[in-house]
Amino acid sequence: MTLQQRWSAKTPKFWKNIQRIAITMGAIATVIMTAPIAIPAAVVTVAGYVATAGTVAATLSQLTIENNESAK
């Protein structure tokens, strides 16, 4: 199974929920990192890590597939 086929295959409900949470985390972290007000450096650093983790989690959850039979 190619990466393109996995990307477009049906994603299980559990992983769709994880994907929504990860996208929300990434969006909030991005807002914190780009805020026009002065924010402590530690908070911005943590927001960078959260944005990265959210992006990775959302991408990996998109690559899970509903039925593993077609992967064989």
PDB file of N, CA and C in Angstrom:
ATOM      1  N   MET A   1       0.852  -1.170   0.000  1.00  0.00           N
ATOM      2  CA  MET A   1       0.000   0.000   0.000  1.00  0.00           C
ATOM      3  C   MET A   1       0.897   1.231   0.000  1.00  0.00           C
ATOM      4  N   THR A   2       0.623   2.126  -0.914  1.00  0.00           N
ATOM      5  CA  THR A   2       1.434   3.335  -1.016  1.00  0.00           C
ATOM      6  C   THR A   2       0.997   4.366   0.020  1.00  0.00           C
ATOM      7  N   LEU A   3       1.851   5.350   0.205  1.00  0.00           N
ATOM      8  CA  LEU A   3       1.550   6.421   1.150  1.00  0.00           C
ATOM      9  C   LEU A   3       0.312   7.193   0.710  1.00  0.00           C
ATOM     10  N   GLN A   4       0.167   7.410  -0.572  1.00  0.00           N
ATOM     11  CA  GLN A   4      -1.003   8.124  -1.097  1.00  0.00           C
ATOM     12  C   GLN A   4      -2.287   7.338  -0.837  1.00  0.00           C
ATOM     13  N   GLN A   5      -2.239   6.013  -0.967  1.00  0.00           N
ATOM     14  CA  GLN A   5      -3.415   5.189  -0.694  1.00  0.00           C
ATOM     15  C   GLN A   5      -3.767   5.224   0.787  1.00  0.00           C
ATOM     16  N   ARG A   6      -2.746   5.173   1.644  1.00  0.00           N
ATOM     17  CA  ARG A   6      -3.006   5.248   3.086  1.00  0.00           C
ATOM     18  C   ARG A   6      -3.614   6.602   3.449  1.00  0.00           C
ATOM     19  N   TRP A   7      -3.109   7.671   2.814  1.00  0.00           N
ATOM     20  CA  TRP A   7      -3.586   9.015   3.131  1.00  0.00           C
ATOM     21  C   TRP A   7      -5.066   9.168   2.793  1.00  0.00           C
ATOM     22  N   SER A   8      -5.496   8.563   1.694  1.00  0.00           N
ATOM     23  CA  SER A   8      -6.876   8.726   1.257  1.00  0.00           C
ATOM     24  C   SER A   8      -7.806   7.618   1.767  1.00  0.00           C
ATOM     25  N   ALA A   9      -7.280   6.625   2.474  1.00  0.00           N
ATOM     26  CA  ALA A   9      -8.114   5.548   3.009  1.00  0.00           C
ATOM     27  C   ALA A   9      -8.941   6.051   4.195  1.00  0.00           C
ATOM     28  N   LYS A  10      -9.974   5.303   4.537  1.00  0.00           N
ATOM     29  CA  LYS A  10     -10.855   5.672   5.650  1.00  0.00           C
ATOM     30  C   LYS A  10     -10.092   5.573   6.975  1.00  0.00           C
ATOM     31  N   THR A  11     -10.219   6.616   7.790  1.00  0.00           N
ATOM     32  CA  THR A  11      -9.565   6.679   9.093  1.00  0.00           C
ATOM     33  C   THR A  11     -10.554   6.263  10.177  1.00  0.00           C
ATOM     34  N   PRO A  12     -10.132   5.399  11.132  1.00  0.00           N
ATOM     35  CA  PRO A  12     -11.028   4.998  12.218  1.00  0.00           C
ATOM     36  C   PRO A  12     -11.471   6.189  13.068  1.00  0.00           C
ATOM     37  N   LYS A  13     -12.631   6.063  13.702  1.00  0.00           N
ATOM     38  CA  LYS A  13     -13.222   7.156  14.484  1.00  0.00           C
ATOM     39  C   LYS A  13     -12.290   7.620  15.611  1.00  0.00           C
ATOM     40  N   PHE A  14     -11.668   6.679  16.311  1.00  0.00           N
ATOM     41  CA  PHE A  14     -10.764   7.032  17.406  1.00  0.00           C
ATOM     42  C   PHE A  14      -9.648   7.942  16.905  1.00  0.00           C
ATOM     43  N   TRP A  15      -9.055   7.596  15.774  1.00  0.00           N
ATOM     44  CA  TRP A  15      -7.943   8.373  15.239  1.00  0.00           C
ATOM     45  C   TRP A  15      -8.403   9.701  14.669  1.00  0.00           C
ATOM     46  N   LYS A  16      -9.653   9.795  14.227  1.00  0.00           N
ATOM     47  CA  LYS A  16     -10.186  11.091  13.799  1.00  0.00           C
ATOM     48  C   LYS A  16     -10.286  12.032  15.000  1.00  0.00           C
ATOM     49  N   ASN A  17     -10.692  11.482  16.153  1.00  0.00           N
ATOM     50  CA  ASN A  17     -10.765  12.298  17.371  1.00  0.00           C
ATOM     51  C   ASN A  17      -9.375  12.761  17.791  1.00  0.00           C
ATOM     52  N   ILE A  18      -8.405  11.860  17.737  1.00  0.00           N
ATOM     53  CA  ILE A  18      -7.023  12.225  18.058  1.00  0.00           C
ATOM     54  C   ILE A  18      -6.540  13.316  17.099  1.00  0.00           C
ATOM     55  N   GLN A  19      -6.893  13.186  15.839  1.00  0.00           N
ATOM     56  CA  GLN A  19      -6.485  14.161  14.835  1.00  0.00           C
ATOM     57  C   GLN A  19      -7.067  15.541  15.133  1.00  0.00           C
ATOM     58  N   ARG A  20      -8.327  15.583  15.500  1.00  0.00           N
ATOM     59  CA  ARG A  20      -8.963  16.873  15.836  1.00  0.00           C
ATOM     60  C   ARG A  20      -8.288  17.523  17.043  1.00  0.00           C
ATOM     61  N   ILE A  21      -7.992  16.722  18.056  1.00  0.00           N
ATOM     62  CA  ILE A  21      -7.319  17.240  19.256  1.00  0.00           C
ATOM     63  C   ILE A  21      -5.936  17.759  18.901  1.00  0.00           C
ATOM     64  N   ALA A  22      -5.203  17.008  18.081  1.00  0.00           N
ATOM     65  CA  ALA A  22      -3.851  17.404  17.696  1.00  0.00           C
ATOM     66  C   ALA A  22      -3.864  18.691  16.877  1.00  0.00           C
ATOM     67  N   ILE A  23      -4.805  18.820  15.970  1.00  0.00           N
ATOM     68  CA  ILE A  23      -4.899  20.038  15.165  1.00  0.00           C
ATOM     69  C   ILE A  23      -5.236  21.236  16.057  1.00  0.00           C
ATOM     70  N   THR A  24      -6.122  21.038  17.016  1.00  0.00           N
ATOM     71  CA  THR A  24      -6.466  22.110  17.956  1.00  0.00           C
ATOM     72  C   THR A  24      -5.259  22.516  18.788  1.00  0.00           C
ATOM     73  N   MET A  25      -4.517  21.525  19.294  1.00  0.00           N
ATOM     74  CA  MET A  25      -3.305  21.821  20.064  1.00  0.00           C
ATOM     75  C   MET A  25      -2.312  22.626  19.232  1.00  0.00           C
ATOM     76  N   GLY A  26      -2.113  22.203  17.996  1.00  0.00           N
ATOM     77  CA  GLY A  26      -1.178  22.909  17.119  1.00  0.00           C
ATOM     78  C   GLY A  26      -1.620  24.322  16.830  1.00  0.00           C
ATOM     79  N   ALA A  27      -2.919  24.516  16.635  1.00  0.00           N
ATOM     80  CA  ALA A  27      -3.433  25.855  16.350  1.00  0.00           C
ATOM     81  C   ALA A  27      -3.263  26.784  17.550  1.00  0.00           C
ATOM     82  N   ILE A  28      -3.572  26.288  18.725  1.00  0.00           N
ATOM     83  CA  ILE A  28      -3.421  27.107  19.935  1.00  0.00           C
ATOM     84  C   ILE A  28      -1.954  27.444  20.166  1.00  0.00           C
ATOM     85  N   ALA A  29      -1.079  26.467  19.978  1.00  0.00           N
ATOM     86  CA  ALA A  29       0.355  26.710  20.156  1.00  0.00           C
ATOM     87  C   ALA A  29       0.873  27.732  19.153  1.00  0.00           C
ATOM     88  N   THR A  30       0.377  27.665  17.926  1.00  0.00           N
ATOM     89  CA  THR A  30       0.794  28.624  16.910  1.00  0.00           C
ATOM     90  C   THR A  30       0.347  30.039  17.263  1.00  0.00           C
ATOM     91  N   VAL A  31      -0.858  30.162  17.782  1.00  0.00           N
ATOM     92  CA  VAL A  31      -1.346  31.480  18.216  1.00  0.00           C
ATOM     93  C   VAL A  31      -0.468  32.026  19.337  1.00  0.00           C
ATOM     94  N   ILE A  32      -0.083  31.171  20.262  1.00  0.00           N
ATOM     95  CA  ILE A  32       0.783  31.621  21.365  1.00  0.00           C
ATOM     96  C   ILE A  32       2.143  32.057  20.828  1.00  0.00           C
ATOM     97  N   MET A  33       2.707  31.289  19.889  1.00  0.00           N
ATOM     98  CA  MET A  33       4.033  31.624  19.358  1.00  0.00           C
ATOM     99  C   MET A  33       4.028  32.915  18.550  1.00  0.00           C
ATOM    100  N   THR A  34       2.916  33.209  17.890  1.00  0.00           N
ATOM    101  CA  THR A  34       2.872  34.403  17.034  1.00  0.00           C
ATOM    102  C   THR A  34       2.135  35.573  17.674  1.00  0.00           C
ATOM    103  N   ALA A  35       1.855  35.476  18.954  1.00  0.00           N
ATOM    104  CA  ALA A  35       1.140  36.555  19.633  1.00  0.00           C
ATOM    105  C   ALA A  35       1.958  37.845  19.609  1.00  0.00           C
ATOM    106  N   PRO A  36       1.291  38.974  19.357  1.00  0.00           N
ATOM    107  CA  PRO A  36       2.014  40.248  19.280  1.00  0.00           C
ATOM    108  C   PRO A  36       2.364  40.838  20.642  1.00  0.00           C
ATOM    109  N   ILE A  37       2.049  40.134  21.711  1.00  0.00           N
ATOM    110  CA  ILE A  37       2.370  40.643  23.050  1.00  0.00           C
ATOM    111  C   ILE A  37       3.588  39.903  23.587  1.00  0.00           C
ATOM    112  N   ALA A  38       4.200  40.465  24.615  1.00  0.00           N
ATOM    113  CA  ALA A  38       5.385  39.848  25.212  1.00  0.00           C
ATOM    114  C   ALA A  38       4.968  38.640  26.053  1.00  0.00           C
ATOM    115  N   ILE A  39       5.495  37.498  25.676  1.00  0.00           N
ATOM    116  CA  ILE A  39       5.218  36.248  26.394  1.00  0.00           C
ATOM    117  C   ILE A  39       6.565  35.687  26.837  1.00  0.00           C
ATOM    118  N   PRO A  40       6.638  35.136  28.048  1.00  0.00           N
ATOM    119  CA  PRO A  40       7.922  34.577  28.509  1.00  0.00           C
ATOM    120  C   PRO A  40       8.484  33.543  27.520  1.00  0.00           C
ATOM    121  N   ALA A  41       9.787  33.524  27.415  1.00  0.00           N
ATOM    122  CA  ALA A  41      10.461  32.646  26.459  1.00  0.00           C
ATOM    123  C   ALA A  41      10.146  31.170  26.723  1.00  0.00           C
ATOM    124  N   ALA A  42      10.004  30.791  27.979  1.00  0.00           N
ATOM    125  CA  ALA A  42       9.706  29.395  28.292  1.00  0.00           C
ATOM    126  C   ALA A  42       8.347  28.978  27.729  1.00  0.00           C
ATOM    127  N   VAL A  43       7.385  29.872  27.790  1.00  0.00           N
ATOM    128  CA  VAL A  43       6.051  29.573  27.265  1.00  0.00           C
ATOM    129  C   VAL A  43       6.101  29.422  25.745  1.00  0.00           C
ATOM    130  N   VAL A  44       6.851  30.287  25.085  1.00  0.00           N
ATOM    131  CA  VAL A  44       6.985  30.207  23.633  1.00  0.00           C
ATOM    132  C   VAL A  44       7.713  28.931  23.230  1.00  0.00           C
ATOM    133  N   THR A  45       8.720  28.536  24.000  1.00  0.00           N
ATOM    134  CA  THR A  45       9.448  27.294  23.721  1.00  0.00           C
ATOM    135  C   THR A  45       8.539  26.092  23.857  1.00  0.00           C
ATOM    136  N   VAL A  46       7.767  26.036  24.928  1.00  0.00           N
ATOM    137  CA  VAL A  46       6.833  24.926  25.127  1.00  0.00           C
ATOM    138  C   VAL A  46       5.784  24.915  24.013  1.00  0.00           C
ATOM    139  N   ALA A  47       5.313  26.072  23.608  1.00  0.00           N
ATOM    140  CA  ALA A  47       4.339  26.157  22.518  1.00  0.00           C
ATOM    141  C   ALA A  47       4.925  25.606  21.224  1.00  0.00           C
ATOM    142  N   GLY A  48       6.200  25.822  20.992  1.00  0.00           N
ATOM    143  CA  GLY A  48       6.856  25.263  19.811  1.00  0.00           C
ATOM    144  C   GLY A  48       6.860  23.741  19.835  1.00  0.00           C
ATOM    145  N   TYR A  49       7.148  23.175  20.991  1.00  0.00           N
ATOM    146  CA  TYR A  49       7.124  21.718  21.131  1.00  0.00           C
ATOM    147  C   TYR A  49       5.710  21.165  20.963  1.00  0.00           C
ATOM    148  N   VAL A  50       4.734  21.855  21.515  1.00  0.00           N
ATOM    149  CA  VAL A  50       3.340  21.413  21.400  1.00  0.00           C
ATOM    150  C   VAL A  50       2.877  21.490  19.948  1.00  0.00           C
ATOM    151  N   ALA A  51       3.274  22.529  19.247  1.00  0.00           N
ATOM    152  CA  ALA A  51       2.912  22.650  17.832  1.00  0.00           C
ATOM    153  C   ALA A  51       3.528  21.513  17.021  1.00  0.00           C
ATOM    154  N   THR A  52       4.767  21.175  17.302  1.00  0.00           N
ATOM    155  CA  THR A  52       5.422  20.071  16.605  1.00  0.00           C
ATOM    156  C   THR A  52       4.742  18.749  16.928  1.00  0.00           C
ATOM    157  N   ALA A  53       4.449  18.509  18.200  1.00  0.00           N
ATOM    158  CA  ALA A  53       3.783  17.274  18.591  1.00  0.00           C
ATOM    159  C   ALA A  53       2.391  17.178  17.970  1.00  0.00           C
ATOM    160  N   GLY A  54       1.681  18.288  17.909  1.00  0.00           N
ATOM    161  CA  GLY A  54       0.357  18.297  17.295  1.00  0.00           C
ATOM    162  C   GLY A  54       0.410  17.983  15.813  1.00  0.00           C
ATOM    163  N   THR A  55       1.394  18.520  15.137  1.00  0.00           N
ATOM    164  CA  THR A  55       1.550  18.251  13.707  1.00  0.00           C
ATOM    165  C   THR A  55       1.867  16.790  13.456  1.00  0.00           C
ATOM    166  N   VAL A  56       2.775  16.233  14.237  1.00  0.00           N
ATOM    167  CA  VAL A  56       3.146  14.819  14.080  1.00  0.00           C
ATOM    168  C   VAL A  56       1.959  13.918  14.392  1.00  0.00           C
ATOM    169  N   ALA A  57       1.249  14.190  15.476  1.00  0.00           N
ATOM    170  CA  ALA A  57       0.101  13.362  15.853  1.00  0.00           C
ATOM    171  C   ALA A  57      -1.007  13.430  14.804  1.00  0.00           C
ATOM    172  N   ALA A  58      -1.267  14.608  14.275  1.00  0.00           N
ATOM    173  CA  ALA A  58      -2.307  14.748  13.255  1.00  0.00           C
ATOM    174  C   ALA A  58      -1.928  14.002  11.985  1.00  0.00           C
ATOM    175  N   THR A  59      -0.667  14.078  11.598  1.00  0.00           N
ATOM    176  CA  THR A  59      -0.222  13.386  10.388  1.00  0.00           C
ATOM    177  C   THR A  59      -0.272  11.879  10.567  1.00  0.00           C
ATOM    178  N   LEU A  60       0.218  11.383  11.684  1.00  0.00           N
ATOM    179  CA  LEU A  60       0.206   9.936  11.910  1.00  0.00           C
ATOM    180  C   LEU A  60      -1.206   9.390  12.040  1.00  0.00           C
ATOM    181  N   SER A  61      -2.095  10.153  12.652  1.00  0.00           N
ATOM    182  CA  SER A  61      -3.467   9.680  12.766  1.00  0.00           C
ATOM    183  C   SER A  61      -4.162   9.645  11.406  1.00  0.00           C
ATOM    184  N   GLN A  62      -3.758  10.518  10.487  1.00  0.00           N
ATOM    185  CA  GLN A  62      -4.322  10.499   9.140  1.00  0.00           C
ATOM    186  C   GLN A  62      -3.870   9.251   8.384  1.00  0.00           C
ATOM    187  N   LEU A  63      -2.706   8.735   8.704  1.00  0.00           N
ATOM    188  CA  LEU A  63      -2.162   7.581   7.984  1.00  0.00           C
ATOM    189  C   LEU A  63      -2.666   6.238   8.501  1.00  0.00           C
ATOM    190  N   THR A  64      -3.432   6.228   9.587  1.00  0.00           N
ATOM    191  CA  THR A  64      -4.022   4.967  10.045  1.00  0.00           C
ATOM    192  C   THR A  64      -5.190   4.624   9.130  1.00  0.00           C
ATOM    193  N   ILE A  65      -5.439   3.334   8.972  1.00  0.00           N
ATOM    194  CA  ILE A  65      -6.494   2.920   8.050  1.00  0.00           C
ATOM    195  C   ILE A  65      -7.530   2.081   8.773  1.00  0.00           C
ATOM    196  N   GLU A  66      -8.745   2.090   8.254  1.00  0.00           N
ATOM    197  CA  GLU A  66      -9.878   1.391   8.843  1.00  0.00           C
ATOM    198  C   GLU A  66      -9.725  -0.129   8.745  1.00  0.00           C
ATOM    199  N   ASN A  67      -9.354  -0.602   7.576  1.00  0.00           N
ATOM    200  CA  ASN A  67      -9.290  -2.030   7.341  1.00  0.00           C
ATOM    201  C   ASN A  67      -7.885  -2.415   6.922  1.00  0.00           C
ATOM    202  N   ASN A  68      -7.250  -3.296   7.673  1.00  0.00           N
ATOM    203  CA  ASN A  68      -5.871  -3.679   7.393  1.00  0.00           C
ATOM    204  C   ASN A  68      -5.783  -4.759   6.316  1.00  0.00           C
ATOM    205  N   GLU A  69      -6.911  -5.287   5.843  1.00  0.00           N
ATOM    206  CA  GLU A  69      -6.901  -6.342   4.835  1.00  0.00           C
ATOM    207  C   GLU A  69      -6.276  -5.875   3.526  1.00  0.00           C
ATOM    208  N   SER A  70      -6.500  -4.613   3.153  1.00  0.00           N
ATOM    209  CA  SER A  70      -5.987  -4.118   1.880  1.00  0.00           C
ATOM    210  C   SER A  70      -4.490  -3.831   1.931  1.00  0.00           C
ATOM    211  N   ALA A  71      -3.896  -3.817   3.130  1.00  0.00           N
ATOM    212  CA  ALA A  71      -2.480  -3.531   3.265  1.00  0.00           C
ATOM    213  C   ALA A  71      -1.620  -4.754   2.969  1.00  0.00           C
ATOM    214  N   LYS A  72      -2.218  -5.918   2.870  1.00  0.00           N
ATOM    215  CA  LYS A  72      -1.443  -7.145   2.670  1.00  0.00           C
ATOM    216  C   LYS A  72      -1.070  -7.339   1.237  1.00  0.00           C
TER     217      LYS A  72
END
